[in-house]
Amino acid sequence: MTSKAREGLSLGSQARNGSAVGFEPFAAAYKTWLMSYPLVMAEEALHFAAHRLEEQAKLVSKIAGCAGPAEATEAQVSFLNDAVQDYRKEAEVFARRAQEAMASANASGARA
């Protein structure tokens, strides 16, 4: 690659019309996203895990008070149905939080 070509790839280079071009906004957005995204998702995952563990603790208590296998099975089926719905809703929350994190990173990159 020639030095002239390398100049065109440098950050903050000037376009032929004199306007600034470069990757700074994209780099800033990526840095913001890279740092915030894992924290946002970890927070959401831990919140969801805590909720599911609370529900499981309730199930254990409910099963302990069941009069027989049929009642215990009914409690487990209800628990599993609720869990499936919770996981479906949480997938939507994860997707929304990821989109929000990316939008926030893009906005901060645009300001850079």
PDB file of N, CA and C in Angstrom:
ATOM      1  N   MET A   1       0.855  -1.175   0.000  1.00  0.00           N
ATOM      2  CA  MET A   1       0.000   0.000   0.000  1.00  0.00           C
ATOM      3  C   MET A   1       0.895   1.230   0.000  1.00  0.00           C
ATOM      4  N   THR A   2       0.565   2.162  -0.824  1.00  0.00           N
ATOM      5  CA  THR A   2       1.377   3.381  -0.922  1.00  0.00           C
ATOM      6  C   THR A   2       1.090   4.292   0.262  1.00  0.00           C
ATOM      7  N   SER A   3       2.015   5.213   0.517  1.00  0.00           N
ATOM      8  CA  SER A   3       1.807   6.137   1.633  1.00  0.00           C
ATOM      9  C   SER A   3       0.601   7.023   1.376  1.00  0.00           C
ATOM     10  N   LYS A   4       0.337   7.332   0.104  1.00  0.00           N
ATOM     11  CA  LYS A   4      -0.836   8.134  -0.248  1.00  0.00           C
ATOM     12  C   LYS A   4      -2.117   7.370   0.096  1.00  0.00           C
ATOM     13  N   ALA A   5      -2.135   6.071  -0.184  1.00  0.00           N
ATOM     14  CA  ALA A   5      -3.306   5.251   0.125  1.00  0.00           C
ATOM     15  C   ALA A   5      -3.489   5.144   1.630  1.00  0.00           C
ATOM     16  N   ARG A   6      -2.378   4.982   2.367  1.00  0.00           N
ATOM     17  CA  ARG A   6      -2.451   4.917   3.825  1.00  0.00           C
ATOM     18  C   ARG A   6      -3.005   6.208   4.400  1.00  0.00           C
ATOM     19  N   GLU A   7      -2.653   7.347   3.811  1.00  0.00           N
ATOM     20  CA  GLU A   7      -3.178   8.630   4.275  1.00  0.00           C
ATOM     21  C   GLU A   7      -4.687   8.659   4.193  1.00  0.00           C
ATOM     22  N   GLY A   8      -5.234   8.096   3.137  1.00  0.00           N
ATOM     23  CA  GLY A   8      -6.678   8.066   2.959  1.00  0.00           C
ATOM     24  C   GLY A   8      -7.389   7.229   4.007  1.00  0.00           C
ATOM     25  N   LEU A   9      -6.658   6.288   4.628  1.00  0.00           N
ATOM     26  CA  LEU A   9      -7.249   5.428   5.637  1.00  0.00           C
ATOM     27  C   LEU A   9      -7.084   5.983   7.049  1.00  0.00           C
ATOM     28  N   SER A  10      -6.306   7.025   7.201  1.00  0.00           N
ATOM     29  CA  SER A  10      -6.041   7.530   8.545  1.00  0.00           C
ATOM     30  C   SER A  10      -7.285   8.169   9.134  1.00  0.00           C
ATOM     31  N   LEU A  11      -7.359   8.141  10.449  1.00  0.00           N
ATOM     32  CA  LEU A  11      -8.482   8.758  11.135  1.00  0.00           C
ATOM     33  C   LEU A  11      -8.389  10.261  10.996  1.00  0.00           C
ATOM     34  N   GLY A  12      -9.505  10.893  10.763  1.00  0.00           N
ATOM     35  CA  GLY A  12      -9.547  12.339  10.709  1.00  0.00           C
ATOM     36  C   GLY A  12      -8.932  12.941   9.461  1.00  0.00           C
ATOM     37  N   SER A  13      -8.837  12.193   8.412  1.00  0.00           N
ATOM     38  CA  SER A  13      -8.264  12.743   7.190  1.00  0.00           C
ATOM     39  C   SER A  13      -9.244  13.719   6.550  1.00  0.00           C
ATOM     40  N   GLN A  14      -8.764  14.466   5.606  1.00  0.00           N
ATOM     41  CA  GLN A  14      -9.582  15.467   4.915  1.00  0.00           C
ATOM     42  C   GLN A  14     -10.021  14.912   3.562  1.00  0.00           C
ATOM     43  N   ALA A  15     -11.273  15.139   3.243  1.00  0.00           N
ATOM     44  CA  ALA A  15     -11.769  14.775   1.922  1.00  0.00           C
ATOM     45  C   ALA A  15     -11.262  15.812   0.930  1.00  0.00           C
ATOM     46  N   ARG A  16     -11.380  15.513  -0.332  1.00  0.00           N
ATOM     47  CA  ARG A  16     -10.892  16.430  -1.363  1.00  0.00           C
ATOM     48  C   ARG A  16     -11.591  17.786  -1.306  1.00  0.00           C
ATOM     49  N   ASN A  17     -12.831  17.798  -0.840  1.00  0.00           N
ATOM     50  CA  ASN A  17     -13.543  19.074  -0.759  1.00  0.00           C
ATOM     51  C   ASN A  17     -13.242  19.825   0.546  1.00  0.00           C
ATOM     52  N   GLY A  18     -12.360  19.276   1.379  1.00  0.00           N
ATOM     53  CA  GLY A  18     -11.945  19.942   2.608  1.00  0.00           C
ATOM     54  C   GLY A  18     -12.728  19.545   3.845  1.00  0.00           C
ATOM     55  N   SER A  19     -13.814  18.777   3.682  1.00  0.00           N
ATOM     56  CA  SER A  19     -14.575  18.378   4.866  1.00  0.00           C
ATOM     57  C   SER A  19     -13.865  17.219   5.567  1.00  0.00           C
ATOM     58  N   ALA A  20     -14.031  17.168   6.861  1.00  0.00           N
ATOM     59  CA  ALA A  20     -13.380  16.117   7.647  1.00  0.00           C
ATOM     60  C   ALA A  20     -14.108  14.797   7.439  1.00  0.00           C
ATOM     61  N   VAL A  21     -13.345  13.751   7.251  1.00  0.00           N
ATOM     62  CA  VAL A  21     -13.901  12.405   7.173  1.00  0.00           C
ATOM     63  C   VAL A  21     -13.080  11.537   8.097  1.00  0.00           C
ATOM     64  N   GLY A  22     -13.645  10.484   8.544  1.00  0.00           N
ATOM     65  CA  GLY A  22     -12.897   9.578   9.398  1.00  0.00           C
ATOM     66  C   GLY A  22     -13.818   8.637  10.135  1.00  0.00           C
ATOM     67  N   PHE A  23     -13.203   7.883  10.986  1.00  0.00           N
ATOM     68  CA  PHE A  23     -13.928   6.852  11.711  1.00  0.00           C
ATOM     69  C   PHE A  23     -14.129   7.199  13.170  1.00  0.00           C
ATOM     70  N   GLU A  24     -13.775   8.400  13.597  1.00  0.00           N
ATOM     71  CA  GLU A  24     -13.895   8.756  15.005  1.00  0.00           C
ATOM     72  C   GLU A  24     -15.301   8.540  15.559  1.00  0.00           C
ATOM     73  N   PRO A  25     -16.351   9.011  14.866  1.00  0.00           N
ATOM     74  CA  PRO A  25     -17.690   8.777  15.416  1.00  0.00           C
ATOM     75  C   PRO A  25     -18.009   7.291  15.568  1.00  0.00           C
ATOM     76  N   PHE A  26     -17.597   6.503  14.595  1.00  0.00           N
ATOM     77  CA  PHE A  26     -17.860   5.068  14.660  1.00  0.00           C
ATOM     78  C   PHE A  26     -17.028   4.411  15.753  1.00  0.00           C
ATOM     79  N   ALA A  27     -15.780   4.833  15.871  1.00  0.00           N
ATOM     80  CA  ALA A  27     -14.909   4.279  16.915  1.00  0.00           C
ATOM     81  C   ALA A  27     -15.437   4.628  18.295  1.00  0.00           C
ATOM     82  N   ALA A  28     -15.898   5.856  18.474  1.00  0.00           N
ATOM     83  CA  ALA A  28     -16.448   6.268  19.769  1.00  0.00           C
ATOM     84  C   ALA A  28     -17.723   5.485  20.093  1.00  0.00           C
ATOM     85  N   ALA A  29     -18.569   5.309  19.101  1.00  0.00           N
ATOM     86  CA  ALA A  29     -19.805   4.545  19.318  1.00  0.00           C
ATOM     87  C   ALA A  29     -19.480   3.104  19.678  1.00  0.00           C
ATOM     88  N   TYR A  30     -18.534   2.517  18.973  1.00  0.00           N
ATOM     89  CA  TYR A  30     -18.155   1.132  19.247  1.00  0.00           C
ATOM     90  C   TYR A  30     -17.582   0.997  20.647  1.00  0.00           C
ATOM     91  N   LYS A  31     -16.733   1.941  21.038  1.00  0.00           N
ATOM     92  CA  LYS A  31     -16.125   1.898  22.377  1.00  0.00           C
ATOM     93  C   LYS A  31     -17.203   2.002  23.452  1.00  0.00           C
ATOM     94  N   THR A  32     -18.140   2.928  23.261  1.00  0.00           N
ATOM     95  CA  THR A  32     -19.233   3.077  24.223  1.00  0.00           C
ATOM     96  C   THR A  32     -20.052   1.799  24.301  1.00  0.00           C
ATOM     97  N   TRP A  33     -20.403   1.255  23.137  1.00  0.00           N
ATOM     98  CA  TRP A  33     -21.196   0.034  23.097  1.00  0.00           C
ATOM     99  C   TRP A  33     -20.432  -1.128  23.719  1.00  0.00           C
ATOM    100  N   LEU A  34     -19.168  -1.254  23.397  1.00  0.00           N
ATOM    101  CA  LEU A  34     -18.354  -2.364  23.889  1.00  0.00           C
ATOM    102  C   LEU A  34     -18.256  -2.337  25.404  1.00  0.00           C
ATOM    103  N   MET A  35     -18.232  -1.144  25.972  1.00  0.00           N
ATOM    104  CA  MET A  35     -18.106  -1.031  27.421  1.00  0.00           C
ATOM    105  C   MET A  35     -19.459  -1.153  28.124  1.00  0.00           C
ATOM    106  N   SER A  36     -20.519  -0.622  27.544  1.00  0.00           N
ATOM    107  CA  SER A  36     -21.803  -0.607  28.244  1.00  0.00           C
ATOM    108  C   SER A  36     -22.653  -1.847  27.983  1.00  0.00           C
ATOM    109  N   TYR A  37     -22.575  -2.391  26.790  1.00  0.00           N
ATOM    110  CA  TYR A  37     -23.440  -3.510  26.423  1.00  0.00           C
ATOM    111  C   TYR A  37     -23.309  -4.702  27.372  1.00  0.00           C
ATOM    112  N   PRO A  38     -22.099  -5.179  27.666  1.00  0.00           N
ATOM    113  CA  PRO A  38     -22.007  -6.328  28.573  1.00  0.00           C
ATOM    114  C   PRO A  38     -22.591  -6.044  29.960  1.00  0.00           C
ATOM    115  N   LEU A  39     -22.431  -4.823  30.439  1.00  0.00           N
ATOM    116  CA  LEU A  39     -22.967  -4.480  31.756  1.00  0.00           C
ATOM    117  C   LEU A  39     -24.488  -4.444  31.742  1.00  0.00           C
ATOM    118  N   VAL A  40     -25.043  -3.871  30.700  1.00  0.00           N
ATOM    119  CA  VAL A  40     -26.504  -3.811  30.575  1.00  0.00           C
ATOM    120  C   VAL A  40     -27.085  -5.219  30.516  1.00  0.00           C
ATOM    121  N   MET A  41     -26.476  -6.064  29.717  1.00  0.00           N
ATOM    122  CA  MET A  41     -26.992  -7.414  29.553  1.00  0.00           C
ATOM    123  C   MET A  41     -26.774  -8.261  30.808  1.00  0.00           C
ATOM    124  N   ALA A  42     -25.653  -8.078  31.488  1.00  0.00           N
ATOM    125  CA  ALA A  42     -25.409  -8.812  32.734  1.00  0.00           C
ATOM    126  C   ALA A  42     -26.428  -8.410  33.792  1.00  0.00           C
ATOM    127  N   GLU A  43     -26.720  -7.112  33.869  1.00  0.00           N
ATOM    128  CA  GLU A  43     -27.722  -6.643  34.830  1.00  0.00           C
ATOM    129  C   GLU A  43     -29.076  -7.300  34.549  1.00  0.00           C
ATOM    130  N   GLU A  44     -29.463  -7.322  33.302  1.00  0.00           N
ATOM    131  CA  GLU A  44     -30.754  -7.913  32.929  1.00  0.00           C
ATOM    132  C   GLU A  44     -30.766  -9.413  33.211  1.00  0.00           C
ATOM    133  N   ALA A  45     -29.683 -10.090  32.874  1.00  0.00           N
ATOM    134  CA  ALA A  45     -29.607 -11.541  33.090  1.00  0.00           C
ATOM    135  C   ALA A  45     -29.691 -11.880  34.578  1.00  0.00           C
ATOM    136  N   LEU A  46     -29.010 -11.122  35.410  1.00  0.00           N
ATOM    137  CA  LEU A  46     -29.043 -11.382  36.850  1.00  0.00           C
ATOM    138  C   LEU A  46     -30.420 -11.088  37.445  1.00  0.00           C
ATOM    139  N   HIS A  47     -31.048 -10.030  36.963  1.00  0.00           N
ATOM    140  CA  HIS A  47     -32.402  -9.718  37.420  1.00  0.00           C
ATOM    141  C   HIS A  47     -33.350 -10.863  37.072  1.00  0.00           C
ATOM    142  N   PHE A  48     -33.253 -11.339  35.846  1.00  0.00           N
ATOM    143  CA  PHE A  48     -34.122 -12.429  35.403  1.00  0.00           C
ATOM    144  C   PHE A  48     -33.827 -13.715  36.180  1.00  0.00           C
ATOM    145  N   ALA A  49     -32.546 -14.019  36.377  1.00  0.00           N
ATOM    146  CA  ALA A  49     -32.176 -15.231  37.125  1.00  0.00           C
ATOM    147  C   ALA A  49     -32.719 -15.171  38.552  1.00  0.00           C
ATOM    148  N   ALA A  50     -32.640 -14.003  39.179  1.00  0.00           N
ATOM    149  CA  ALA A  50     -33.170 -13.850  40.540  1.00  0.00           C
ATOM    150  C   ALA A  50     -34.677 -14.121  40.557  1.00  0.00           C
ATOM    151  N   HIS A  51     -35.377 -13.583  39.561  1.00  0.00           N
ATOM    152  CA  HIS A  51     -36.828 -13.808  39.470  1.00  0.00           C
ATOM    153  C   HIS A  51     -37.145 -15.288  39.313  1.00  0.00           C
ATOM    154  N   ARG A  52     -36.432 -15.958  38.415  1.00  0.00           N
ATOM    155  CA  ARG A  52     -36.704 -17.380  38.183  1.00  0.00           C
ATOM    156  C   ARG A  52     -36.373 -18.217  39.419  1.00  0.00           C
ATOM    157  N   LEU A  53     -35.306 -17.863  40.137  1.00  0.00           N
ATOM    158  CA  LEU A  53     -34.972 -18.609  41.355  1.00  0.00           C
ATOM    159  C   LEU A  53     -36.030 -18.402  42.435  1.00  0.00           C
ATOM    160  N   GLU A  54     -36.586 -17.204  42.525  1.00  0.00           N
ATOM    161  CA  GLU A  54     -37.682 -16.962  43.472  1.00  0.00           C
ATOM    162  C   GLU A  54     -38.887 -17.838  43.127  1.00  0.00           C
ATOM    163  N   GLU A  55     -39.189 -17.911  41.843  1.00  0.00           N
ATOM    164  CA  GLU A  55     -40.311 -18.745  41.404  1.00  0.00           C
ATOM    165  C   GLU A  55     -40.048 -20.221  41.705  1.00  0.00           C
ATOM    166  N   GLN A  56     -38.807 -20.643  41.543  1.00  0.00           N
ATOM    167  CA  GLN A  56     -38.476 -22.041  41.828  1.00  0.00           C
ATOM    168  C   GLN A  56     -38.589 -22.331  43.321  1.00  0.00           C
ATOM    169  N   ALA A  57     -38.179 -21.375  44.151  1.00  0.00           N
ATOM    170  CA  ALA A  57     -38.321 -21.546  45.598  1.00  0.00           C
ATOM    171  C   ALA A  57     -39.802 -21.671  45.979  1.00  0.00           C
ATOM    172  N   LYS A  58     -40.645 -20.869  45.334  1.00  0.00           N
ATOM    173  CA  LYS A  58     -42.091 -20.968  45.584  1.00  0.00           C
ATOM    174  C   LYS A  58     -42.623 -22.340  45.176  1.00  0.00           C
ATOM    175  N   LEU A  59     -42.117 -22.860  44.064  1.00  0.00           N
ATOM    176  CA  LEU A  59     -42.552 -24.180  43.595  1.00  0.00           C
ATOM    177  C   LEU A  59     -42.196 -25.252  44.618  1.00  0.00           C
ATOM    178  N   VAL A  60     -40.979 -25.208  45.140  1.00  0.00           N
ATOM    179  CA  VAL A  60     -40.551 -26.213  46.118  1.00  0.00           C
ATOM    180  C   VAL A  60     -41.462 -26.167  47.339  1.00  0.00           C
ATOM    181  N   SER A  61     -41.779 -24.962  47.801  1.00  0.00           N
ATOM    182  CA  SER A  61     -42.687 -24.827  48.950  1.00  0.00           C
ATOM    183  C   SER A  61     -44.071 -25.369  48.622  1.00  0.00           C
ATOM    184  N   LYS A  62     -44.539 -25.075  47.412  1.00  0.00           N
ATOM    185  CA  LYS A  62     -45.862 -25.536  46.999  1.00  0.00           C
ATOM    186  C   LYS A  62     -45.901 -27.060  46.929  1.00  0.00           C
ATOM    187  N   ILE A  63     -44.854 -27.667  46.354  1.00  0.00           N
ATOM    188  CA  ILE A  63     -44.810 -29.132  46.242  1.00  0.00           C
ATOM    189  C   ILE A  63     -44.756 -29.775  47.620  1.00  0.00           C
ATOM    190  N   ALA A  64     -44.041 -29.149  48.541  1.00  0.00           N
ATOM    191  CA  ALA A  64     -43.951 -29.696  49.895  1.00  0.00           C
ATOM    192  C   ALA A  64     -45.320 -29.750  50.564  1.00  0.00           C
ATOM    193  N   GLY A  65     -46.223 -28.853  50.173  1.00  0.00           N
ATOM    194  CA  GLY A  65     -47.550 -28.835  50.768  1.00  0.00           C
ATOM    195  C   GLY A  65     -48.599 -29.597  49.982  1.00  0.00           C
ATOM    196  N   CYS A  66     -48.197 -30.269  48.912  1.00  0.00           N
ATOM    197  CA  CYS A  66     -49.164 -30.994  48.087  1.00  0.00           C
ATOM    198  C   CYS A  66     -49.652 -32.264  48.792  1.00  0.00           C
ATOM    199  N   ALA A  67     -50.922 -32.595  48.542  1.00  0.00           N
ATOM    200  CA  ALA A  67     -51.529 -33.776  49.157  1.00  0.00           C
ATOM    201  C   ALA A  67     -51.131 -35.072  48.446  1.00  0.00           C
ATOM    202  N   GLY A  68     -50.687 -34.974  47.204  1.00  0.00           N
ATOM    203  CA  GLY A  68     -50.342 -36.198  46.485  1.00  0.00           C
ATOM    204  C   GLY A  68     -49.648 -35.892  45.172  1.00  0.00           C
ATOM    205  N   PRO A  69     -49.279 -36.941  44.435  1.00  0.00           N
ATOM    206  CA  PRO A  69     -48.550 -36.778  43.180  1.00  0.00           C
ATOM    207  C   PRO A  69     -49.300 -35.962  42.123  1.00  0.00           C
ATOM    208  N   ALA A  70     -50.615 -36.125  42.052  1.00  0.00           N
ATOM    209  CA  ALA A  70     -51.380 -35.391  41.039  1.00  0.00           C
ATOM    210  C   ALA A  70     -51.296 -33.890  41.295  1.00  0.00           C
ATOM    211  N   GLU A  71     -51.428 -33.496  42.542  1.00  0.00           N
ATOM    212  CA  GLU A  71     -51.349 -32.076  42.892  1.00  0.00           C
ATOM    213  C   GLU A  71     -49.929 -31.535  42.652  1.00  0.00           C
ATOM    214  N   ALA A  72     -48.924 -32.349  42.956  1.00  0.00           N
ATOM    215  CA  ALA A  72     -47.528 -31.947  42.729  1.00  0.00           C
ATOM    216  C   ALA A  72     -47.255 -31.798  41.232  1.00  0.00           C
ATOM    217  N   THR A  73     -47.796 -32.707  40.442  1.00  0.00           N
ATOM    218  CA  THR A  73     -47.621 -32.634  38.991  1.00  0.00           C
ATOM    219  C   THR A  73     -48.292 -31.388  38.441  1.00  0.00           C
ATOM    220  N   GLU A  74     -49.459 -31.080  38.936  1.00  0.00           N
ATOM    221  CA  GLU A  74     -50.171 -29.881  38.504  1.00  0.00           C
ATOM    222  C   GLU A  74     -49.354 -28.617  38.831  1.00  0.00           C
ATOM    223  N   ALA A  75     -48.744 -28.596  40.001  1.00  0.00           N
ATOM    224  CA  ALA A  75     -47.911 -27.454  40.394  1.00  0.00           C
ATOM    225  C   ALA A  75     -46.698 -27.325  39.473  1.00  0.00           C
ATOM    226  N   GLN A  76     -46.098 -28.457  39.125  1.00  0.00           N
ATOM    227  CA  GLN A  76     -44.937 -28.426  38.240  1.00  0.00           C
ATOM    228  C   GLN A  76     -45.308 -27.986  36.831  1.00  0.00           C
ATOM    229  N   VAL A  77     -46.426 -28.456  36.326  1.00  0.00           N
ATOM    230  CA  VAL A  77     -46.882 -28.070  34.992  1.00  0.00           C
ATOM    231  C   VAL A  77     -47.146 -26.569  34.952  1.00  0.00           C
ATOM    232  N   SER A  78     -47.797 -26.061  35.982  1.00  0.00           N
ATOM    233  CA  SER A  78     -48.064 -24.628  36.060  1.00  0.00           C
ATOM    234  C   SER A  78     -46.757 -23.841  36.109  1.00  0.00           C
ATOM    235  N   PHE A  79     -45.805 -24.322  36.892  1.00  0.00           N
ATOM    236  CA  PHE A  79     -44.499 -23.672  36.991  1.00  0.00           C
ATOM    237  C   PHE A  79     -43.806 -23.636  35.630  1.00  0.00           C
ATOM    238  N   LEU A  80     -43.829 -24.749  34.925  1.00  0.00           N
ATOM    239  CA  LEU A  80     -43.169 -24.813  33.611  1.00  0.00           C
ATOM    240  C   LEU A  80     -43.848 -23.919  32.585  1.00  0.00           C
ATOM    241  N   ASN A  81     -45.171 -23.869  32.595  1.00  0.00           N
ATOM    242  CA  ASN A  81     -45.885 -22.971  31.690  1.00  0.00           C
ATOM    243  C   ASN A  81     -45.510 -21.518  31.964  1.00  0.00           C
ATOM    244  N   ASP A  82     -45.478 -21.160  33.244  1.00  0.00           N
ATOM    245  CA  ASP A  82     -45.081 -19.796  33.615  1.00  0.00           C
ATOM    246  C   ASP A  82     -43.639 -19.516  33.205  1.00  0.00           C
ATOM    247  N   ALA A  83     -42.758 -20.501  33.381  1.00  0.00           N
ATOM    248  CA  ALA A  83     -41.348 -20.323  33.027  1.00  0.00           C
ATOM    249  C   ALA A  83     -41.186 -20.083  31.527  1.00  0.00           C
ATOM    250  N   VAL A  84     -41.909 -20.836  30.720  1.00  0.00           N
ATOM    251  CA  VAL A  84     -41.830 -20.656  29.266  1.00  0.00           C
ATOM    252  C   VAL A  84     -42.262 -19.239  28.900  1.00  0.00           C
ATOM    253  N   GLN A  85     -43.347 -18.774  29.495  1.00  0.00           N
ATOM    254  CA  GLN A  85     -43.813 -17.411  29.224  1.00  0.00           C
ATOM    255  C   GLN A  85     -42.792 -16.372  29.684  1.00  0.00           C
ATOM    256  N   ASP A  86     -42.191 -16.602  30.858  1.00  0.00           N
ATOM    257  CA  ASP A  86     -41.169 -15.673  31.362  1.00  0.00           C
ATOM    258  C   ASP A  86     -39.958 -15.616  30.436  1.00  0.00           C
ATOM    259  N   TYR A  87     -39.520 -16.775  29.951  1.00  0.00           N
ATOM    260  CA  TYR A  87     -38.363 -16.796  29.052  1.00  0.00           C
ATOM    261  C   TYR A  87     -38.691 -16.111  27.719  1.00  0.00           C
ATOM    262  N   ARG A  88     -39.902 -16.282  27.226  1.00  0.00           N
ATOM    263  CA  ARG A  88     -40.311 -15.614  25.996  1.00  0.00           C
ATOM    264  C   ARG A  88     -40.289 -14.094  26.184  1.00  0.00           C
ATOM    265  N   LYS A  89     -40.863 -13.643  27.280  1.00  0.00           N
ATOM    266  CA  LYS A  89     -40.872 -12.208  27.567  1.00  0.00           C
ATOM    267  C   LYS A  89     -39.453 -11.679  27.765  1.00  0.00           C
ATOM    268  N   GLU A  90     -38.629 -12.458  28.420  1.00  0.00           N
ATOM    269  CA  GLU A  90     -37.254 -12.011  28.680  1.00  0.00           C
ATOM    270  C   GLU A  90     -36.449 -11.911  27.391  1.00  0.00           C
ATOM    271  N   ALA A  91     -36.712 -12.779  26.436  1.00  0.00           N
ATOM    272  CA  ALA A  91     -36.024 -12.673  25.142  1.00  0.00           C
ATOM    273  C   ALA A  91     -36.363 -11.334  24.491  1.00  0.00           C
ATOM    274  N   GLU A  92     -37.609 -10.916  24.613  1.00  0.00           N
ATOM    275  CA  GLU A  92     -38.005  -9.614  24.080  1.00  0.00           C
ATOM    276  C   GLU A  92     -37.305  -8.477  24.821  1.00  0.00           C
ATOM    277  N   VAL A  93     -37.200  -8.612  26.140  1.00  0.00           N
ATOM    278  CA  VAL A  93     -36.514  -7.586  26.943  1.00  0.00           C
ATOM    279  C   VAL A  93     -35.042  -7.511  26.535  1.00  0.00           C
ATOM    280  N   PHE A  94     -34.396  -8.660  26.378  1.00  0.00           N
ATOM    281  CA  PHE A  94     -32.988  -8.683  25.966  1.00  0.00           C
ATOM    282  C   PHE A  94     -32.803  -7.983  24.622  1.00  0.00           C
ATOM    283  N   ALA A  95     -33.689  -8.281  23.680  1.00  0.00           N
ATOM    284  CA  ALA A  95     -33.580  -7.661  22.359  1.00  0.00           C
ATOM    285  C   ALA A  95     -33.760  -6.149  22.463  1.00  0.00           C
ATOM    286  N   ARG A  96     -34.743  -5.711  23.249  1.00  0.00           N
ATOM    287  CA  ARG A  96     -34.977  -4.275  23.405  1.00  0.00           C
ATOM    288  C   ARG A  96     -33.789  -3.596  24.080  1.00  0.00           C
ATOM    289  N   ARG A  97     -33.252  -4.216  25.134  1.00  0.00           N
ATOM    290  CA  ARG A  97     -32.113  -3.623  25.847  1.00  0.00           C
ATOM    291  C   ARG A  97     -30.884  -3.546  24.940  1.00  0.00           C
ATOM    292  N   ALA A  98     -30.696  -4.558  24.092  1.00  0.00           N
ATOM    293  CA  ALA A  98     -29.570  -4.538  23.153  1.00  0.00           C
ATOM    294  C   ALA A  98     -29.741  -3.402  22.152  1.00  0.00           C
ATOM    295  N   GLN A  99     -30.956  -3.221  21.656  1.00  0.00           N
ATOM    296  CA  GLN A  99     -31.219  -2.125  20.716  1.00  0.00           C
ATOM    297  C   GLN A  99     -31.004  -0.773  21.387  1.00  0.00           C
ATOM    298  N   GLU A 100     -31.450  -0.643  22.628  1.00  0.00           N
ATOM    299  CA  GLU A 100     -31.269   0.609  23.358  1.00  0.00           C
ATOM    300  C   GLU A 100     -29.792   0.908  23.585  1.00  0.00           C
ATOM    301  N   ALA A 101     -29.022  -0.129  23.926  1.00  0.00           N
ATOM    302  CA  ALA A 101     -27.585   0.058  24.147  1.00  0.00           C
ATOM    303  C   ALA A 101     -26.899   0.498  22.858  1.00  0.00           C
ATOM    304  N   MET A 102     -27.288  -0.107  21.742  1.00  0.00           N
ATOM    305  CA  MET A 102     -26.691   0.265  20.463  1.00  0.00           C
ATOM    306  C   MET A 102     -27.087   1.684  20.082  1.00  0.00           C
ATOM    307  N   ALA A 103     -28.344   2.043  20.277  1.00  0.00           N
ATOM    308  CA  ALA A 103     -28.805   3.389  19.960  1.00  0.00           C
ATOM    309  C   ALA A 103     -28.060   4.417  20.818  1.00  0.00           C
ATOM    310  N   SER A 104     -27.870   4.102  22.081  1.00  0.00           N
ATOM    311  CA  SER A 104     -27.142   5.010  22.973  1.00  0.00           C
ATOM    312  C   SER A 104     -25.689   5.149  22.529  1.00  0.00           C
ATOM    313  N   ALA A 105     -25.073   4.051  22.132  1.00  0.00           N
ATOM    314  CA  ALA A 105     -23.693   4.093  21.658  1.00  0.00           C
ATOM    315  C   ALA A 105     -23.597   4.912  20.369  1.00  0.00           C
ATOM    316  N   ASN A 106     -24.547   4.717  19.479  1.00  0.00           N
ATOM    317  CA  ASN A 106     -24.554   5.471  18.223  1.00  0.00           C
ATOM    318  C   ASN A 106     -24.723   6.958  18.498  1.00  0.00           C
ATOM    319  N   ALA A 107     -25.581   7.296  19.427  1.00  0.00           N
ATOM    320  CA  ALA A 107     -25.813   8.709  19.765  1.00  0.00           C
ATOM    321  C   ALA A 107     -24.556   9.327  20.369  1.00  0.00           C
ATOM    322  N   SER A 108     -23.866   8.587  21.232  1.00  0.00           N
ATOM    323  CA  SER A 108     -22.657   9.136  21.836  1.00  0.00           C
ATOM    324  C   SER A 108     -21.537   9.218  20.799  1.00  0.00           C
ATOM    325  N   GLY A 109     -21.524   8.294  19.843  1.00  0.00           N
ATOM    326  CA  GLY A 109     -20.519   8.355  18.775  1.00  0.00           C
ATOM    327  C   GLY A 109     -20.758   9.525  17.861  1.00  0.00           C
ATOM    328  N   ALA A 110     -22.010   9.850  17.636  1.00  0.00           N
ATOM    329  CA  ALA A 110     -22.346  10.981  16.776  1.00  0.00           C
ATOM    330  C   ALA A 110     -21.918  12.310  17.413  1.00  0.00           C
ATOM    331  N   ARG A 111     -21.917  12.323  18.758  1.00  0.00           N
ATOM    332  CA  ARG A 111     -21.513  13.551  19.469  1.00  0.00           C
ATOM    333  C   ARG A 111     -20.000  13.694  19.512  1.00  0.00           C
ATOM    334  N   ALA A 112     -19.269  12.596  19.294  1.00  0.00           N
ATOM    335  CA  ALA A 112     -17.800  12.627  19.413  1.00  0.00           C
ATOM    336  C   ALA A 112     -17.172  13.452  18.304  1.00  0.00           C
TER     337      ALA A 112
END
